[in-house]
Amino acid sequence: QVQVVESGRGLAQPGGSLRLSCAASGDNICISAMGWYRQAPGKEREFVAEVTTSGNTDYPDSLKGRFTISGNWAKNTVSLQMNSLKPEDTAVYYCIVRSCWVGTNYWGQGTQVTVSS
């Protein structure tokens, strides 16, 4: 069983920054990538960022330049640095762990990010 634990929930003002972290653990864990999705009230879950164990990163065009994801594969952790935050970034952020076995993913429980003045 794989455990996925997020940390770094918080409140930020517009234009501010927050950093989220996610740690994966478990017996015989094999990770190909880790990333983040988010879900705002009344909206569908959307892709935020992903980094592979080979170092490739991916972001939707709407978040490029503001969000940066990085991975530490010695510790099976990823961090998401969010800058120039906007109220529309308010959402529950979910960490996803993609297993080496294609099609097997693990999700964290989510962490709340609120951007408000």
Protein backbone atom coordinates (compact mmCIF):
# COMPACT_ATOMS: atom_id res chain seq x y z
CA GLN A 1 0.00 0.00 0.00
CA VAL A 2 1.22 3.47 -0.91
CA GLN A 3 0.68 6.42 1.40
CA VAL A 4 0.52 9.93 -0.04
CA VAL A 5 0.72 12.83 2.39
CA GLU A 6 0.43 16.49 1.44
CA SER A 7 1.53 19.45 3.51
CA GLY A 8 1.62 23.20 3.17
CA ARG A 9 -2.04 24.21 3.15
CA GLY A 10 -2.57 27.85 3.76
CA LEU A 11 -3.93 31.28 3.11
CA ALA A 12 -2.19 33.78 0.89
CA GLN A 13 -2.98 37.24 -0.37
CA PRO A 14 -3.24 37.93 -4.08
CA GLY A 15 0.26 38.26 -5.47
CA GLY A 16 1.68 36.16 -2.66
CA SER A 17 3.34 32.76 -2.62
CA LEU A 18 2.80 29.35 -1.11
CA ARG A 19 4.70 26.08 -1.23
CA LEU A 20 3.06 22.67 -1.12
CA SER A 21 4.85 19.41 -0.48
CA CYS A 22 3.90 15.80 -0.98
CA ALA A 23 5.57 12.64 0.27
CA ALA A 24 4.97 9.12 -0.96
CA SER A 25 5.86 6.01 0.99
CA GLY A 26 5.16 2.32 0.95
CA ASP A 27 6.65 -1.11 0.57
CA ASN A 28 8.17 -1.84 -2.83
CA ILE A 29 7.08 1.55 -4.10
CA CYS A 30 8.03 2.30 -7.69
CA ILE A 31 7.30 5.81 -8.91
CA SER A 32 7.38 7.11 -12.46
CA ALA A 33 6.08 10.61 -11.72
CA MET A 34 4.39 12.75 -9.12
CA GLY A 35 2.24 15.79 -9.57
CA TRP A 36 -0.63 17.97 -8.52
CA TYR A 37 -4.23 18.50 -9.49
CA ARG A 38 -6.69 20.95 -8.00
CA GLN A 39 -10.43 21.26 -7.62
CA ALA A 40 -12.26 24.47 -6.91
CA PRO A 41 -15.84 24.47 -5.55
CA GLY A 42 -18.29 23.59 -8.26
CA LYS A 43 -15.59 22.79 -10.80
CA GLU A 44 -13.94 19.68 -12.13
CA ARG A 45 -10.53 18.55 -10.98
CA GLU A 46 -7.84 20.05 -13.20
CA PHE A 47 -4.20 19.32 -13.88
CA VAL A 48 -1.66 21.63 -12.25
CA ALA A 49 1.82 20.18 -12.68
CA GLU A 50 3.81 16.98 -12.95
CA VAL A 51 7.44 15.92 -12.76
CA THR A 52 8.85 12.58 -13.84
CA THR A 53 11.66 10.72 -12.17
CA SER A 54 13.79 11.60 -15.20
CA GLY A 55 13.23 15.28 -14.49
CA ASN A 56 10.71 16.21 -17.15
CA THR A 57 8.07 18.69 -16.04
CA ASP A 58 4.67 19.55 -17.43
CA TYR A 59 2.24 22.38 -16.75
CA PRO A 60 -0.90 23.69 -18.38
CA ASP A 61 -0.18 26.85 -20.35
CA SER A 62 -2.31 28.86 -17.93
CA LEU A 63 0.07 28.13 -15.02
CA LYS A 64 3.46 28.25 -16.75
CA GLY A 65 5.68 30.89 -15.25
CA ARG A 66 3.83 31.07 -11.94
CA PHE A 67 4.02 27.49 -10.64
CA THR A 68 7.15 25.37 -10.38
CA ILE A 69 7.30 21.70 -9.48
CA SER A 70 10.38 19.86 -8.30
CA GLY A 71 11.06 16.34 -7.18
CA ASN A 72 13.43 14.71 -4.71
CA TRP A 73 13.52 11.07 -5.69
CA ALA A 74 15.83 10.06 -2.89
CA LYS A 75 12.96 10.92 -0.55
CA ASN A 76 10.02 10.36 -2.94
CA THR A 77 8.80 13.90 -2.41
CA VAL A 78 7.65 16.69 -4.66
CA SER A 79 7.16 20.36 -4.00
CA LEU A 80 5.00 22.89 -5.77
CA GLN A 81 6.09 26.49 -5.53
CA MET A 82 3.20 28.82 -6.34
CA ASN A 83 3.94 32.48 -6.99
CA SER A 84 1.88 35.48 -8.02
CA LEU A 85 -1.17 33.79 -6.60
CA LYS A 86 -4.62 34.81 -7.75
CA PRO A 87 -8.02 34.33 -6.11
CA GLU A 88 -8.87 31.84 -8.85
CA ASP A 89 -6.04 29.62 -7.58
CA THR A 90 -8.21 28.91 -4.55
CA ALA A 91 -8.89 25.19 -4.51
CA VAL A 92 -8.16 21.91 -2.83
CA TYR A 93 -4.84 20.69 -4.18
CA TYR A 94 -4.33 16.95 -4.58
CA CYS A 95 -1.03 15.15 -4.95
CA ILE A 96 -0.89 12.26 -7.41
CA VAL A 97 1.71 9.51 -7.47
CA ARG A 98 2.03 7.61 -10.73
CA SER A 99 3.28 4.09 -10.28
CA CYS A 100 5.75 2.38 -12.59
CA TRP A 101 2.87 0.06 -13.34
CA VAL A 102 0.98 2.01 -15.97
CA GLY A 103 -2.52 2.90 -14.97
CA THR A 104 -1.93 2.68 -11.25
CA ASN A 105 -2.10 6.02 -9.48
CA TYR A 106 -2.34 7.02 -5.85
CA TRP A 107 -3.94 10.20 -4.52
CA GLY A 108 -3.46 12.25 -1.43
CA GLN A 109 -6.37 13.49 0.62
CA GLY A 110 -5.98 17.06 -0.55
CA THR A 111 -4.86 20.30 1.02
CA GLN A 112 -6.73 23.59 0.97
CA VAL A 113 -5.21 26.67 -0.63
CA THR A 114 -7.07 29.94 -0.27
CA VAL A 115 -6.03 33.15 -1.97
CA SER A 116 -7.89 36.14 -0.59
CA SER A 117 -7.29 39.64 0.61
